[in-house]
């Protein structure tokens, strides 16, 4: 995102009225975070020195952590366990992967992500900038090995200027009973080089222990 348009992006986010918001390469939204914090709990730190992923939620938070998938870029994987309105608990796993041609970094990063996904036992929504389309070998292998599923028609997101002709490298994947009811591009005119995604998620009915 562009810092000049941070307030404009915050306005669009608030108008979308989502329960959970995820930004990647989020330093550009930093100046608008105090405004968003009046409506959301901001779960991740964001400074000029480090602001890779920002997660904001209006749902109750059970636990929350972040880690690095590779030694070159820190804190580009963030997991939040949330409680939905019906009492169901689920994970939102947000990530920003390196480009697949970063040989020696991309492969072990995917291995780390695969191990993380395998560990998440609740319904999962995995979102973020994967820097690869769902039909790429990297993503097809990841989904096959973890059981994660992408929408049949993922909206194009990059470059944003290409609109519906852009490539879907910002993805939403689901697993363990989570289901994508709808997914649509968001924020075409917000001066970001990526379009966002507006997601409606369905979860399995919570069972009584």
Protein backbone atom coordinates (compact mmCIF):
# COMPACT_ATOMS: atom_id res chain seq x y z
CA UNK A 1 0.00 0.00 0.00
CA UNK A 2 0.98 3.65 -0.34
CA UNK A 3 1.23 5.63 2.92
CA UNK A 4 -0.36 8.64 1.25
CA UNK A 5 -3.56 6.67 0.88
CA UNK A 6 -3.55 5.00 4.31
CA UNK A 7 -6.62 6.88 5.49
CA UNK A 8 -8.45 6.07 2.27
CA UNK A 9 -7.66 2.38 2.73
CA UNK A 10 -8.85 2.52 6.35
CA UNK A 11 -12.14 4.07 5.20
CA UNK A 12 -12.66 1.26 2.68
CA UNK A 13 -11.90 -1.37 5.32
CA UNK A 14 -14.35 0.14 7.79
CA UNK A 15 -17.05 0.36 5.13
CA UNK A 16 -16.51 -3.33 4.30
CA UNK A 17 -17.32 -4.09 7.97
CA UNK A 18 -15.32 -7.33 8.11
CA UNK A 19 -14.81 -9.21 11.38
CA UNK A 20 -11.14 -9.88 10.64
CA UNK A 21 -8.72 -7.83 8.51
CA UNK A 22 -5.27 -8.87 7.28
CA UNK A 23 -2.70 -6.59 5.64
CA UNK A 24 0.59 -7.76 4.12
CA UNK A 25 3.49 -5.39 3.43
CA UNK A 26 1.56 -3.31 5.91
CA UNK A 27 3.90 -0.42 6.67
CA UNK A 28 1.89 1.81 4.34
CA UNK A 29 -1.20 1.46 6.52
CA UNK A 30 0.73 2.25 9.73
CA UNK A 31 -0.47 5.85 10.05
CA UNK A 32 -4.12 4.75 9.86
CA UNK A 33 -3.83 2.04 12.52
CA UNK A 34 -4.92 4.33 15.41
CA UNK A 35 -8.15 4.96 13.52
CA UNK A 36 -8.67 1.24 12.87
CA UNK A 37 -7.85 0.51 16.52
CA UNK A 38 -11.05 2.32 17.55
CA UNK A 39 -12.99 -0.47 15.83
CA UNK A 40 -10.63 -3.47 15.92
CA UNK A 41 -8.12 -5.07 18.23
CA UNK A 42 -4.78 -4.72 16.42
CA UNK A 43 -2.98 -7.99 17.13
CA UNK A 44 0.43 -7.41 15.57
CA UNK A 45 3.01 -4.68 16.14
CA UNK A 46 3.71 -2.30 13.28
CA UNK A 47 6.64 0.10 13.25
CA UNK A 48 8.72 1.67 10.49
CA UNK A 49 11.37 -0.97 11.14
CA UNK A 50 9.04 -4.00 11.11
CA UNK A 51 5.54 -4.15 9.72
CA UNK A 52 5.21 -7.22 7.53
CA UNK A 53 1.73 -8.44 8.46
CA UNK A 54 -1.01 -6.70 10.43
CA UNK A 55 -3.99 -8.66 11.73
CA UNK A 56 -6.99 -6.86 13.22
CA UNK A 57 -10.04 -8.56 14.72
CA UNK A 58 -13.41 -7.81 16.25
CA UNK A 59 -13.88 -11.46 17.20
CA UNK A 60 -12.69 -12.76 20.59
CA UNK A 61 -9.07 -13.91 20.43
CA UNK A 62 -8.11 -17.22 22.06
CA UNK A 63 -4.40 -17.07 21.23
CA UNK A 64 -2.08 -15.47 18.77
CA UNK A 65 1.49 -15.89 17.59
CA UNK A 66 3.82 -15.12 14.72
CA UNK A 67 7.09 -16.52 13.43
CA UNK A 68 9.56 -16.36 10.56
CA UNK A 69 9.40 -18.82 7.69
CA UNK A 70 12.92 -17.96 6.54
CA UNK A 71 15.95 -16.23 8.08
CA UNK A 72 15.96 -13.33 5.63
CA UNK A 73 12.53 -11.84 6.41
CA UNK A 74 11.08 -12.00 9.90
CA UNK A 75 7.52 -12.43 11.17
CA UNK A 76 5.87 -13.18 7.83
CA UNK A 77 3.59 -15.88 9.24
CA UNK A 78 0.89 -14.96 11.76
CA UNK A 79 -1.69 -17.30 13.31
CA UNK A 80 -4.73 -16.23 15.33
CA UNK A 81 -7.22 -18.54 16.99
CA UNK A 82 -10.60 -16.79 17.06
CA UNK A 83 -14.08 -17.47 18.35
CA UNK A 84 -16.81 -16.92 15.78
CA UNK A 85 -20.26 -15.53 16.56
CA UNK A 86 -21.74 -19.02 16.94
CA UNK A 87 -19.05 -20.11 19.39
CA UNK A 88 -16.95 -22.04 16.89
CA UNK A 89 -13.21 -21.62 17.16
CA UNK A 90 -11.03 -21.43 14.07
CA UNK A 91 -7.61 -20.33 12.89
CA UNK A 92 -6.72 -17.49 10.56
CA UNK A 93 -3.22 -18.16 9.25
CA UNK A 94 -1.74 -15.19 7.39
CA UNK A 95 1.50 -15.36 5.44
CA UNK A 96 3.67 -13.51 2.96
CA UNK A 97 5.90 -15.85 0.97
CA UNK A 98 8.95 -15.01 -1.09
CA UNK A 99 8.77 -15.31 -4.87
CA UNK A 100 9.14 -18.93 -6.03
CA UNK A 101 12.34 -18.20 -7.99
CA UNK A 102 14.22 -17.24 -4.81
CA UNK A 103 16.00 -20.58 -4.92
CA UNK A 104 17.29 -21.83 -1.59
CA UNK A 105 14.75 -19.71 0.30
CA UNK A 106 11.39 -20.49 -1.32
CA UNK A 107 11.66 -24.29 -0.99
CA UNK A 108 12.41 -24.47 2.77
CA UNK A 109 9.86 -21.71 3.36
CA UNK A 110 7.14 -23.86 1.78
CA UNK A 111 8.34 -26.77 3.91
CA UNK A 112 7.96 -24.66 7.03
CA UNK A 113 4.48 -23.57 5.97
CA UNK A 114 3.45 -27.15 5.26
CA UNK A 115 4.50 -28.16 8.77
CA UNK A 116 2.56 -25.26 10.26
CA UNK A 117 -0.61 -26.11 8.32
CA UNK A 118 -0.37 -29.77 9.36
CA UNK A 119 -0.35 -28.67 13.00
CA UNK A 120 -3.56 -26.60 12.82
CA UNK A 121 -6.32 -28.96 13.91
CA UNK A 122 -9.28 -26.56 13.94
CA UNK A 123 -11.04 -25.17 10.84
CA UNK A 124 -8.52 -22.96 9.04
CA UNK A 125 -8.65 -19.95 6.76
CA UNK A 126 -5.16 -19.37 5.33
CA UNK A 127 -4.73 -16.03 3.58
CA UNK A 128 -1.96 -13.83 2.31
CA UNK A 129 0.42 -13.04 -0.49
CA UNK A 130 1.66 -16.43 -1.66
CA UNK A 131 3.46 -14.91 -4.68
CA UNK A 132 2.21 -17.88 -6.73
CA UNK A 133 -1.02 -18.73 -8.49
CA UNK A 134 -3.11 -21.69 -7.27
CA UNK A 135 -2.24 -23.65 -10.43
CA UNK A 136 1.52 -23.25 -9.92
CA UNK A 137 3.52 -26.33 -9.03
CA UNK A 138 4.44 -24.77 -5.67
CA UNK A 139 0.84 -24.17 -4.61
CA UNK A 140 -0.56 -27.39 -6.06
CA UNK A 141 2.06 -29.36 -4.11
CA UNK A 142 1.34 -27.44 -0.92
CA UNK A 143 -2.41 -28.02 -1.21
CA UNK A 144 -2.00 -31.68 -2.05
CA UNK A 145 0.28 -32.30 0.91
CA UNK A 146 -1.80 -30.37 3.47
CA UNK A 147 -5.39 -30.82 2.27
CA UNK A 148 -5.83 -27.07 1.90
CA UNK A 149 -8.31 -26.09 -0.82
CA UNK A 150 -8.43 -22.99 -3.01
CA UNK A 151 -11.60 -21.58 -4.59
CA UNK A 152 -12.40 -22.92 -8.04
CA UNK A 153 -12.07 -19.42 -9.47
CA UNK A 154 -9.67 -17.31 -7.44
CA UNK A 155 -9.97 -13.56 -8.14
CA UNK A 156 -6.96 -11.95 -9.77
CA UNK A 157 -5.04 -9.66 -7.46
CA UNK A 158 -1.71 -8.59 -9.00
CA UNK A 159 -1.03 -6.22 -10.56
CA UNK A 160 -4.09 -4.34 -9.37
CA UNK A 161 -3.99 -2.14 -12.47
CA UNK A 162 -4.87 -5.18 -14.61
CA UNK A 163 -8.19 -5.65 -12.81
CA UNK A 164 -9.90 -8.92 -13.72
CA UNK A 165 -6.88 -9.84 -15.90
CA UNK A 166 -4.51 -9.79 -12.93
CA UNK A 167 -2.98 -12.99 -11.55
CA UNK A 168 -4.34 -14.57 -8.34
CA UNK A 169 -1.27 -14.61 -6.10
CA UNK A 170 -3.09 -13.35 -2.98
CA UNK A 171 -5.10 -16.39 -1.98
CA UNK A 172 -7.60 -17.77 0.50
CA UNK A 173 -7.26 -21.46 1.36
CA UNK A 174 -9.51 -23.49 3.67
CA UNK A 175 -9.24 -26.77 5.56
CA UNK A 176 -10.78 -28.85 8.34
CA UNK A 177 -14.42 -27.99 7.58
CA UNK A 178 -14.03 -24.28 6.84
CA UNK A 179 -15.77 -23.31 3.59
CA UNK A 180 -15.54 -20.27 1.34
CA UNK A 181 -19.11 -19.05 0.80
CA UNK A 182 -17.93 -16.19 -1.39
CA UNK A 183 -14.71 -14.45 -2.35
CA UNK A 184 -14.50 -11.20 -4.30
CA UNK A 185 -11.81 -8.67 -5.18
CA UNK A 186 -11.62 -5.63 -2.94
CA UNK A 187 -10.05 -2.20 -3.18
CA UNK A 188 -9.37 -1.79 -6.90
CA UNK A 189 -8.89 1.97 -6.57
CA UNK A 190 -6.93 2.26 -3.33
CA UNK A 191 -3.51 2.80 -4.92
CA UNK A 192 -2.16 -0.58 -3.80
CA UNK A 193 -0.27 -2.70 -6.32
CA UNK A 194 -2.40 -5.67 -5.20
CA UNK A 195 -6.15 -5.99 -5.01
CA UNK A 196 -7.48 -7.31 -1.72
CA UNK A 197 -10.01 -10.06 -1.09
CA UNK A 198 -13.36 -9.85 0.65
CA UNK A 199 -14.22 -13.28 2.04
CA UNK A 200 -17.38 -14.78 3.50
CA UNK A 201 -16.45 -17.87 5.51
CA UNK A 202 -18.67 -20.69 6.79
CA UNK A 203 -17.59 -22.86 9.71
CA UNK A 204 -18.83 -26.22 11.00
CA UNK A 205 -21.39 -26.02 13.79
CA UNK A 206 -19.71 -26.05 17.20
CA UNK A 207 -20.27 -29.29 19.09
CA UNK A 208 -20.85 -29.55 22.83
CA UNK A 209 -18.03 -31.41 24.58
